[in-house]
């Protein structure tokens, strides 16, 4: 039986477990295909139904038809549907989804009508060169190409393509500094203290205090905005602020920001 609570709650929207009268077998229809499960009403047939439904839901309600290759554009659509539900936080899409869109664009524009099985290392290198020609920074190009590799890795995990396609793409290295025509991004430097001090008098009082707090603690801007008294442990001289939400929590990491007397 399906154990996931969310699957049970959506059971009314799942394809039905039906009886095929001529054969006496149980049957379920997924994406227009009939799957016969064994004798109707038996524990084995219901177990087979649960297995198929589980795989169908894991594949974003789309099972691959044997012998039919997806085009690169179709593959991109499947991944975009997955990314839209995966890259979310507190019910809202994360900013990473915008980067995924940028990575999928050259796939659709240059290789959309090609079979996904024909997208190999040379095609990925061609995408790299296209991105270099647009003037994008080397690190950004490597990030986008890493997402493209991730698209094919996900597709292999969903049995939409052979795993050998992703394994071949994984052999393509990122662009190396000094060995490519891609421009190098300028390092992000801290704002000079004199600029901050000159700006503070022109800010609303609360915003100015938020800037001062961030300078003294080194926390991220978003962590300043969501700070609540209940998230701060004031039991010692140096307070400990544990944000209710932070950037790396999906990696299972804990975040503690220490607040000294000045802050």
C-alpha atoms as a PDB file:
ATOM      1  CA  UNK A   1       0.000   0.000   0.000  1.00  0.00           C
ATOM      2  CA  UNK A   2       1.103   3.600  -0.515  1.00  0.00           C
ATOM      3  CA  UNK A   3       2.587   4.997   2.661  1.00  0.00           C
ATOM      4  CA  UNK A   4       3.080   8.662   1.722  1.00  0.00           C
ATOM      5  CA  UNK A   5       0.428  10.773   3.417  1.00  0.00           C
ATOM      6  CA  UNK A   6       0.285  13.213   0.522  1.00  0.00           C
ATOM      7  CA  UNK A   7      -0.424  10.367  -1.869  1.00  0.00           C
ATOM      8  CA  UNK A   8      -3.266   9.083   0.281  1.00  0.00           C
ATOM      9  CA  UNK A   9      -4.776  12.550   0.507  1.00  0.00           C
ATOM     10  CA  UNK A  10      -4.769  12.829  -3.302  1.00  0.00           C
ATOM     11  CA  UNK A  11      -6.120   9.299  -3.843  1.00  0.00           C
ATOM     12  CA  UNK A  12      -9.388  10.632  -5.238  1.00  0.00           C
ATOM     13  CA  UNK A  13      -7.425  12.140  -8.126  1.00  0.00           C
ATOM     14  CA  UNK A  14      -5.454   8.990  -8.929  1.00  0.00           C
ATOM     15  CA  UNK A  15      -6.266   6.712 -11.888  1.00  0.00           C
ATOM     16  CA  UNK A  16      -8.712   4.098 -10.673  1.00  0.00           C
ATOM     17  CA  UNK A  17      -8.099   0.423  -9.952  1.00  0.00           C
ATOM     18  CA  UNK A  18     -10.627  -1.276 -12.275  1.00  0.00           C
ATOM     19  CA  UNK A  19     -11.792  -4.713 -13.294  1.00  0.00           C
ATOM     20  CA  UNK A  20     -11.258  -5.862 -16.876  1.00  0.00           C
ATOM     21  CA  UNK A  21     -14.379  -8.005 -17.325  1.00  0.00           C
ATOM     22  CA  UNK A  22     -13.284 -10.180 -20.295  1.00  0.00           C
ATOM     23  CA  UNK A  23     -10.112 -11.371 -18.521  1.00  0.00           C
ATOM     24  CA  UNK A  24     -11.047 -10.946 -14.858  1.00  0.00           C
ATOM     25  CA  UNK A  25      -7.840  -8.994 -14.299  1.00  0.00           C
ATOM     26  CA  UNK A  26      -7.337  -5.673 -12.552  1.00  0.00           C
ATOM     27  CA  UNK A  27      -6.291  -2.824 -14.813  1.00  0.00           C
ATOM     28  CA  UNK A  28      -5.182   0.781 -14.467  1.00  0.00           C
ATOM     29  CA  UNK A  29      -4.751   3.330 -17.251  1.00  0.00           C
ATOM     30  CA  UNK A  30      -1.727   5.642 -17.094  1.00  0.00           C
ATOM     31  CA  UNK A  31      -1.060   8.196 -19.828  1.00  0.00           C
ATOM     32  CA  UNK A  32      -3.393   6.362 -22.176  1.00  0.00           C
ATOM     33  CA  UNK A  33      -1.837   2.916 -21.636  1.00  0.00           C
ATOM     34  CA  UNK A  34      -3.591   0.014 -19.909  1.00  0.00           C
ATOM     35  CA  UNK A  35      -1.519  -1.880 -17.342  1.00  0.00           C
ATOM     36  CA  UNK A  36      -2.821  -5.296 -16.285  1.00  0.00           C
ATOM     37  CA  UNK A  37      -2.107  -6.052 -12.648  1.00  0.00           C
ATOM     38  CA  UNK A  38      -3.181  -9.661 -12.088  1.00  0.00           C
ATOM     39  CA  UNK A  39      -6.416 -11.170 -10.852  1.00  0.00           C
ATOM     40  CA  UNK A  40      -8.880  -8.466  -9.737  1.00  0.00           C
ATOM     41  CA  UNK A  41      -9.352  -8.039  -5.995  1.00  0.00           C
ATOM     42  CA  UNK A  42      -6.208  -9.908  -4.941  1.00  0.00           C
ATOM     43  CA  UNK A  43      -3.566  -8.508  -2.635  1.00  0.00           C
ATOM     44  CA  UNK A  44      -0.928  -9.012  -5.326  1.00  0.00           C
ATOM     45  CA  UNK A  45      -2.850  -6.970  -7.901  1.00  0.00           C
ATOM     46  CA  UNK A  46      -3.390  -4.123  -5.453  1.00  0.00           C
ATOM     47  CA  UNK A  47       0.306  -4.179  -4.582  1.00  0.00           C
ATOM     48  CA  UNK A  48       1.152  -3.948  -8.277  1.00  0.00           C
ATOM     49  CA  UNK A  49      -1.277  -1.039  -8.592  1.00  0.00           C
ATOM     50  CA  UNK A  50       0.437   0.776  -5.723  1.00  0.00           C
ATOM     51  CA  UNK A  51       3.854   0.183  -7.281  1.00  0.00           C
ATOM     52  CA  UNK A  52       2.832   1.561 -10.669  1.00  0.00           C
ATOM     53  CA  UNK A  53       1.069   4.570  -9.175  1.00  0.00           C
ATOM     54  CA  UNK A  54       4.118   5.310  -7.037  1.00  0.00           C
ATOM     55  CA  UNK A  55       6.410   5.257 -10.075  1.00  0.00           C
ATOM     56  CA  UNK A  56       3.918   7.329 -12.078  1.00  0.00           C
ATOM     57  CA  UNK A  57       3.744  10.020  -9.376  1.00  0.00           C
ATOM     58  CA  UNK A  58       7.535  10.000  -8.953  1.00  0.00           C
ATOM     59  CA  UNK A  59       7.816  10.602 -12.710  1.00  0.00           C
ATOM     60  CA  UNK A  60       5.564  13.698 -12.424  1.00  0.00           C
ATOM     61  CA  UNK A  61       2.532  11.744 -13.703  1.00  0.00           C
ATOM     62  CA  UNK A  62       4.243  10.809 -16.950  1.00  0.00           C
ATOM     63  CA  UNK A  63       5.639   7.362 -17.797  1.00  0.00           C
ATOM     64  CA  UNK A  64       8.027   6.981 -20.671  1.00  0.00           C
ATOM     65  CA  UNK A  65       6.758   4.943 -23.610  1.00  0.00           C
ATOM     66  CA  UNK A  66       9.237   2.173 -24.523  1.00  0.00           C
ATOM     67  CA  UNK A  67      11.062   2.790 -27.780  1.00  0.00           C
ATOM     68  CA  UNK A  68      10.134   6.505 -27.944  1.00  0.00           C
ATOM     69  CA  UNK A  69      12.907   9.059 -27.425  1.00  0.00           C
ATOM     70  CA  UNK A  70      12.064  12.378 -25.869  1.00  0.00           C
ATOM     71  CA  UNK A  71      13.218  15.486 -27.661  1.00  0.00           C
ATOM     72  CA  UNK A  72      15.432  17.878 -25.738  1.00  0.00           C
ATOM     73  CA  UNK A  73      12.513  20.338 -25.561  1.00  0.00           C
ATOM     74  CA  UNK A  74      10.210  17.668 -24.086  1.00  0.00           C
ATOM     75  CA  UNK A  75      12.889  16.746 -21.579  1.00  0.00           C
ATOM     76  CA  UNK A  76      13.242  20.406 -20.605  1.00  0.00           C
ATOM     77  CA  UNK A  77       9.467  20.643 -20.048  1.00  0.00           C
ATOM     78  CA  UNK A  78       9.525  17.597 -17.765  1.00  0.00           C
ATOM     79  CA  UNK A  79      12.410  19.031 -15.735  1.00  0.00           C
ATOM     80  CA  UNK A  80      10.811  22.466 -15.525  1.00  0.00           C
ATOM     81  CA  UNK A  81       7.657  20.883 -14.097  1.00  0.00           C
ATOM     82  CA  UNK A  82       9.780  19.042 -11.519  1.00  0.00           C
ATOM     83  CA  UNK A  83      11.855  22.140 -10.673  1.00  0.00           C
ATOM     84  CA  UNK A  84       8.722  24.232 -10.161  1.00  0.00           C
ATOM     85  CA  UNK A  85       7.593  21.914  -7.371  1.00  0.00           C
ATOM     86  CA  UNK A  86      11.056  21.175  -5.932  1.00  0.00           C
ATOM     87  CA  UNK A  87      12.689  24.604  -5.711  1.00  0.00           C
ATOM     88  CA  UNK A  88      10.189  26.115  -3.311  1.00  0.00           C
ATOM     89  CA  UNK A  89      10.505  27.474   0.200  1.00  0.00           C
ATOM     90  CA  UNK A  90       7.610  28.316   2.465  1.00  0.00           C
ATOM     91  CA  UNK A  91       5.286  27.743  -0.475  1.00  0.00           C
ATOM     92  CA  UNK A  92       7.054  30.267  -2.748  1.00  0.00           C
ATOM     93  CA  UNK A  93       9.438  29.639  -5.674  1.00  0.00           C
ATOM     94  CA  UNK A  94      13.103  30.241  -4.859  1.00  0.00           C
ATOM     95  CA  UNK A  95      15.351  32.503  -6.909  1.00  0.00           C
ATOM     96  CA  UNK A  96      17.185  29.422  -8.179  1.00  0.00           C
ATOM     97  CA  UNK A  97      14.211  28.732 -10.430  1.00  0.00           C
ATOM     98  CA  UNK A  98      15.122  31.825 -12.464  1.00  0.00           C
ATOM     99  CA  UNK A  99      18.620  30.412 -13.041  1.00  0.00           C
ATOM    100  CA  UNK A 100      17.115  27.087 -14.136  1.00  0.00           C
ATOM    101  CA  UNK A 101      15.094  28.995 -16.730  1.00  0.00           C
ATOM    102  CA  UNK A 102      18.295  30.598 -18.067  1.00  0.00           C
ATOM    103  CA  UNK A 103      19.992  27.190 -18.300  1.00  0.00           C
ATOM    104  CA  UNK A 104      17.080  25.629 -20.187  1.00  0.00           C
ATOM    105  CA  UNK A 105      16.893  28.444 -22.741  1.00  0.00           C
ATOM    106  CA  UNK A 106      19.913  27.420 -24.908  1.00  0.00           C
ATOM    107  CA  UNK A 107      18.728  23.802 -24.783  1.00  0.00           C
ATOM    108  CA  UNK A 108      15.345  24.746 -26.223  1.00  0.00           C
ATOM    109  CA  UNK A 109      16.646  27.268 -28.723  1.00  0.00           C
ATOM    110  CA  UNK A 110      19.536  25.244 -30.210  1.00  0.00           C
ATOM    111  CA  UNK A 111      18.615  21.615 -29.549  1.00  0.00           C
ATOM    112  CA  UNK A 112      14.897  21.609 -28.783  1.00  0.00           C
ATOM    113  CA  UNK A 113      13.896  19.436 -31.758  1.00  0.00           C
ATOM    114  CA  UNK A 114      16.830  17.040 -31.404  1.00  0.00           C
ATOM    115  CA  UNK A 115      16.457  13.670 -29.721  1.00  0.00           C
ATOM    116  CA  UNK A 116      17.666  13.761 -26.117  1.00  0.00           C
ATOM    117  CA  UNK A 117      19.755  10.655 -26.844  1.00  0.00           C
ATOM    118  CA  UNK A 118      21.729  12.693 -29.398  1.00  0.00           C
ATOM    119  CA  UNK A 119      22.664  15.422 -26.900  1.00  0.00           C
ATOM    120  CA  UNK A 120      26.210  14.460 -26.032  1.00  0.00           C
ATOM    121  CA  UNK A 121      29.458  16.053 -24.813  1.00  0.00           C
ATOM    122  CA  UNK A 122      30.066  17.930 -28.072  1.00  0.00           C
ATOM    123  CA  UNK A 123      26.592  19.471 -27.883  1.00  0.00           C
ATOM    124  CA  UNK A 124      27.231  20.624 -24.314  1.00  0.00           C
ATOM    125  CA  UNK A 125      30.564  22.115 -25.342  1.00  0.00           C
ATOM    126  CA  UNK A 126      28.759  23.930 -28.176  1.00  0.00           C
ATOM    127  CA  UNK A 127      26.393  25.411 -25.581  1.00  0.00           C
ATOM    128  CA  UNK A 128      29.427  26.526 -23.573  1.00  0.00           C
ATOM    129  CA  UNK A 129      30.817  28.341 -26.623  1.00  0.00           C
ATOM    130  CA  UNK A 130      27.433  29.981 -27.287  1.00  0.00           C
ATOM    131  CA  UNK A 131      27.333  31.295 -23.738  1.00  0.00           C
ATOM    132  CA  UNK A 132      30.906  32.583 -24.030  1.00  0.00           C
ATOM    133  CA  UNK A 133      29.902  34.442 -27.201  1.00  0.00           C
ATOM    134  CA  UNK A 134      27.080  36.202 -25.340  1.00  0.00           C
ATOM    135  CA  UNK A 135      29.605  37.739 -22.938  1.00  0.00           C
ATOM    136  CA  UNK A 136      28.572  35.842 -19.813  1.00  0.00           C
ATOM    137  CA  UNK A 137      31.138  35.396 -17.058  1.00  0.00           C
ATOM    138  CA  UNK A 138      33.061  32.138 -16.813  1.00  0.00           C
ATOM    139  CA  UNK A 139      31.694  31.228 -13.389  1.00  0.00           C
ATOM    140  CA  UNK A 140      28.128  31.896 -14.532  1.00  0.00           C
ATOM    141  CA  UNK A 141      28.619  29.729 -17.632  1.00  0.00           C
ATOM    142  CA  UNK A 142      29.924  26.885 -15.469  1.00  0.00           C
ATOM    143  CA  UNK A 143      26.892  27.262 -13.198  1.00  0.00           C
ATOM    144  CA  UNK A 144      24.444  27.099 -16.119  1.00  0.00           C
ATOM    145  CA  UNK A 145      26.185  24.096 -17.675  1.00  0.00           C
ATOM    146  CA  UNK A 146      26.142  22.388 -14.282  1.00  0.00           C
ATOM    147  CA  UNK A 147      22.373  22.808 -14.227  1.00  0.00           C
ATOM    148  CA  UNK A 148      22.140  21.321 -17.744  1.00  0.00           C
ATOM    149  CA  UNK A 149      24.054  18.271 -16.517  1.00  0.00           C
ATOM    150  CA  UNK A 150      21.677  18.094 -13.552  1.00  0.00           C
ATOM    151  CA  UNK A 151      18.704  18.095 -15.958  1.00  0.00           C
ATOM    152  CA  UNK A 152      20.020  14.963 -17.667  1.00  0.00           C
ATOM    153  CA  UNK A 153      20.975  13.368 -14.353  1.00  0.00           C
ATOM    154  CA  UNK A 154      17.407  13.854 -13.131  1.00  0.00           C
ATOM    155  CA  UNK A 155      16.029  12.492 -16.407  1.00  0.00           C
ATOM    156  CA  UNK A 156      18.180   9.363 -16.024  1.00  0.00           C
ATOM    157  CA  UNK A 157      16.924   8.904 -12.446  1.00  0.00           C
ATOM    158  CA  UNK A 158      13.349   9.042 -13.770  1.00  0.00           C
ATOM    159  CA  UNK A 159      14.161   6.503 -16.509  1.00  0.00           C
ATOM    160  CA  UNK A 160      13.361   9.041 -19.201  1.00  0.00           C
ATOM    161  CA  UNK A 161      16.781   8.574 -20.820  1.00  0.00           C
ATOM    162  CA  UNK A 162      19.573   5.984 -20.552  1.00  0.00           C
ATOM    163  CA  UNK A 163      22.006   6.789 -17.757  1.00  0.00           C
ATOM    164  CA  UNK A 164      24.872   6.611 -20.254  1.00  0.00           C
ATOM    165  CA  UNK A 165      23.765   9.975 -21.698  1.00  0.00           C
ATOM    166  CA  UNK A 166      24.292  11.723 -18.372  1.00  0.00           C
ATOM    167  CA  UNK A 167      27.543   9.840 -17.764  1.00  0.00           C
ATOM    168  CA  UNK A 168      28.881  11.123 -21.094  1.00  0.00           C
ATOM    169  CA  UNK A 169      27.889  14.715 -20.280  1.00  0.00           C
ATOM    170  CA  UNK A 170      29.590  14.438 -16.885  1.00  0.00           C
ATOM    171  CA  UNK A 171      32.935  14.085 -18.693  1.00  0.00           C
ATOM    172  CA  UNK A 172      32.740  17.697 -19.944  1.00  0.00           C
ATOM    173  CA  UNK A 173      34.802  19.882 -17.586  1.00  0.00           C
ATOM    174  CA  UNK A 174      33.931  23.413 -16.631  1.00  0.00           C
ATOM    175  CA  UNK A 175      35.753  26.348 -18.174  1.00  0.00           C
ATOM    176  CA  UNK A 176      39.121  26.963 -16.511  1.00  0.00           C
ATOM    177  CA  UNK A 177      40.481  30.366 -15.598  1.00  0.00           C
ATOM    178  CA  UNK A 178      43.083  31.534 -18.116  1.00  0.00           C
ATOM    179  CA  UNK A 179      42.146  28.803 -20.613  1.00  0.00           C
ATOM    180  CA  UNK A 180      39.004  30.265 -22.108  1.00  0.00           C
ATOM    181  CA  UNK A 181      37.861  33.442 -23.832  1.00  0.00           C
ATOM    182  CA  UNK A 182      35.049  33.822 -21.292  1.00  0.00           C
ATOM    183  CA  UNK A 183      35.430  36.980 -19.225  1.00  0.00           C
ATOM    184  CA  UNK A 184      36.344  36.772 -15.586  1.00  0.00           C
ATOM    185  CA  UNK A 185      33.812  38.366 -13.204  1.00  0.00           C
ATOM    186  CA  UNK A 186      34.967  41.170 -10.990  1.00  0.00           C
ATOM    187  CA  UNK A 187      35.215  40.057  -7.359  1.00  0.00           C
ATOM    188  CA  UNK A 188      32.452  41.315  -5.115  1.00  0.00           C
ATOM    189  CA  UNK A 189      34.006  43.732  -2.656  1.00  0.00           C
ATOM    190  CA  UNK A 190      32.543  44.993   0.632  1.00  0.00           C
ATOM    191  CA  UNK A 191      31.081  48.484   0.676  1.00  0.00           C
ATOM    192  CA  UNK A 192      33.598  50.922   2.072  1.00  0.00           C
ATOM    193  CA  UNK A 193      32.958  52.042   5.662  1.00  0.00           C
ATOM    194  CA  UNK A 194      32.924  55.702   4.676  1.00  0.00           C
ATOM    195  CA  UNK A 195      30.157  55.008   2.136  1.00  0.00           C
ATOM    196  CA  UNK A 196      28.072  53.218   4.772  1.00  0.00           C
ATOM    197  CA  UNK A 197      28.599  55.998   7.308  1.00  0.00           C
ATOM    198  CA  UNK A 198      27.634  58.646   4.746  1.00  0.00           C
ATOM    199  CA  UNK A 199      24.471  56.721   3.875  1.00  0.00           C
ATOM    200  CA  UNK A 200      23.184  55.976   7.383  1.00  0.00           C
ATOM    201  CA  UNK A 201      21.889  59.526   8.126  1.00  0.00           C
ATOM    202  CA  UNK A 202      19.673  59.353   5.040  1.00  0.00           C
ATOM    203  CA  UNK A 203      18.003  56.058   5.999  1.00  0.00           C
ATOM    204  CA  UNK A 204      14.856  55.599   8.110  1.00  0.00           C
ATOM    205  CA  UNK A 205      15.759  54.891  11.727  1.00  0.00           C
ATOM    206  CA  UNK A 206      14.790  51.199  11.653  1.00  0.00           C
ATOM    207  CA  UNK A 207      16.582  50.557   8.344  1.00  0.00           C
ATOM    208  CA  UNK A 208      19.704  52.296   9.620  1.00  0.00           C
ATOM    209  CA  UNK A 209      19.659  50.081  12.712  1.00  0.00           C
ATOM    210  CA  UNK A 210      19.282  47.005  10.491  1.00  0.00           C
ATOM    211  CA  UNK A 211      22.409  48.053   8.575  1.00  0.00           C
ATOM    212  CA  UNK A 212      24.345  48.580  11.805  1.00  0.00           C
ATOM    213  CA  UNK A 213      23.163  45.215  13.130  1.00  0.00           C
ATOM    214  CA  UNK A 214      24.271  43.427   9.977  1.00  0.00           C
ATOM    215  CA  UNK A 215      27.717  45.048  10.068  1.00  0.00           C
ATOM    216  CA  UNK A 216      28.228  43.977  13.703  1.00  0.00           C
ATOM    217  CA  UNK A 217      26.996  40.395  13.316  1.00  0.00           C
ATOM    218  CA  UNK A 218      27.859  39.481   9.715  1.00  0.00           C
ATOM    219  CA  UNK A 219      24.406  38.030   9.103  1.00  0.00           C
ATOM    220  CA  UNK A 220      22.641  38.059   5.748  1.00  0.00           C
ATOM    221  CA  UNK A 221      20.141  40.818   4.860  1.00  0.00           C
ATOM    222  CA  UNK A 222      17.244  38.373   4.853  1.00  0.00           C
ATOM    223  CA  UNK A 223      18.186  37.175   8.329  1.00  0.00           C
ATOM    224  CA  UNK A 224      17.986  40.745   9.613  1.00  0.00           C
ATOM    225  CA  UNK A 225      14.514  41.122   8.108  1.00  0.00           C
ATOM    226  CA  UNK A 226      13.086  37.968   9.738  1.00  0.00           C
ATOM    227  CA  UNK A 227      14.645  38.449  13.181  1.00  0.00           C
ATOM    228  CA  UNK A 228      12.153  37.790  15.997  1.00  0.00           C
ATOM    229  CA  UNK A 229      12.672  37.941  19.775  1.00  0.00           C
ATOM    230  CA  UNK A 230      11.635  34.294  20.075  1.00  0.00           C
ATOM    231  CA  UNK A 231      14.595  33.294  17.858  1.00  0.00           C
ATOM    232  CA  UNK A 232      17.182  34.918  20.162  1.00  0.00           C
ATOM    233  CA  UNK A 233      18.671  33.177  23.204  1.00  0.00           C
ATOM    234  CA  UNK A 234      19.495  35.962  25.682  1.00  0.00           C
ATOM    235  CA  UNK A 235      20.582  33.731  28.563  1.00  0.00           C
ATOM    236  CA  UNK A 236      24.280  34.726  28.312  1.00  0.00           C
ATOM    237  CA  UNK A 237      26.251  37.899  27.704  1.00  0.00           C
ATOM    238  CA  UNK A 238      26.605  37.029  24.023  1.00  0.00           C
ATOM    239  CA  UNK A 239      23.174  36.320  22.565  1.00  0.00           C
ATOM    240  CA  UNK A 240      22.579  33.535  20.059  1.00  0.00           C
ATOM    241  CA  UNK A 241      20.223  34.186  17.150  1.00  0.00           C
ATOM    242  CA  UNK A 242      18.901  31.100  15.342  1.00  0.00           C
ATOM    243  CA  UNK A 243      16.920  32.235  12.273  1.00  0.00           C
ATOM    244  CA  UNK A 244      13.617  30.497  11.661  1.00  0.00           C
ATOM    245  CA  UNK A 245      14.696  30.065   8.053  1.00  0.00           C
ATOM    246  CA  UNK A 246      18.084  30.346   6.378  1.00  0.00           C
ATOM    247  CA  UNK A 247      19.863  29.765   3.090  1.00  0.00           C
ATOM    248  CA  UNK A 248      21.417  26.338   3.768  1.00  0.00           C
ATOM    249  CA  UNK A 249      18.738  24.689   5.891  1.00  0.00           C
ATOM    250  CA  UNK A 250      17.844  22.299   3.050  1.00  0.00           C
ATOM    251  CA  UNK A 251      21.339  20.813   3.498  1.00  0.00           C
ATOM    252  CA  UNK A 252      20.490  19.992   7.107  1.00  0.00           C
ATOM    253  CA  UNK A 253      22.798  22.688   8.466  1.00  0.00           C
ATOM    254  CA  UNK A 254      22.141  24.772  11.552  1.00  0.00           C
ATOM    255  CA  UNK A 255      22.654  28.520  11.586  1.00  0.00           C
ATOM    256  CA  UNK A 256      23.657  30.464  14.702  1.00  0.00           C
ATOM    257  CA  UNK A 257      24.438  34.186  14.652  1.00  0.00           C
ATOM    258  CA  UNK A 258      26.113  35.575  17.737  1.00  0.00           C
ATOM    259  CA  UNK A 259      25.077  39.024  18.952  1.00  0.00           C
ATOM    260  CA  UNK A 260      27.614  40.896  21.050  1.00  0.00           C
ATOM    261  CA  UNK A 261      26.938  43.881  23.355  1.00  0.00           C
ATOM    262  CA  UNK A 262      27.223  46.519  20.596  1.00  0.00           C
ATOM    263  CA  UNK A 263      24.770  44.705  18.322  1.00  0.00           C
END
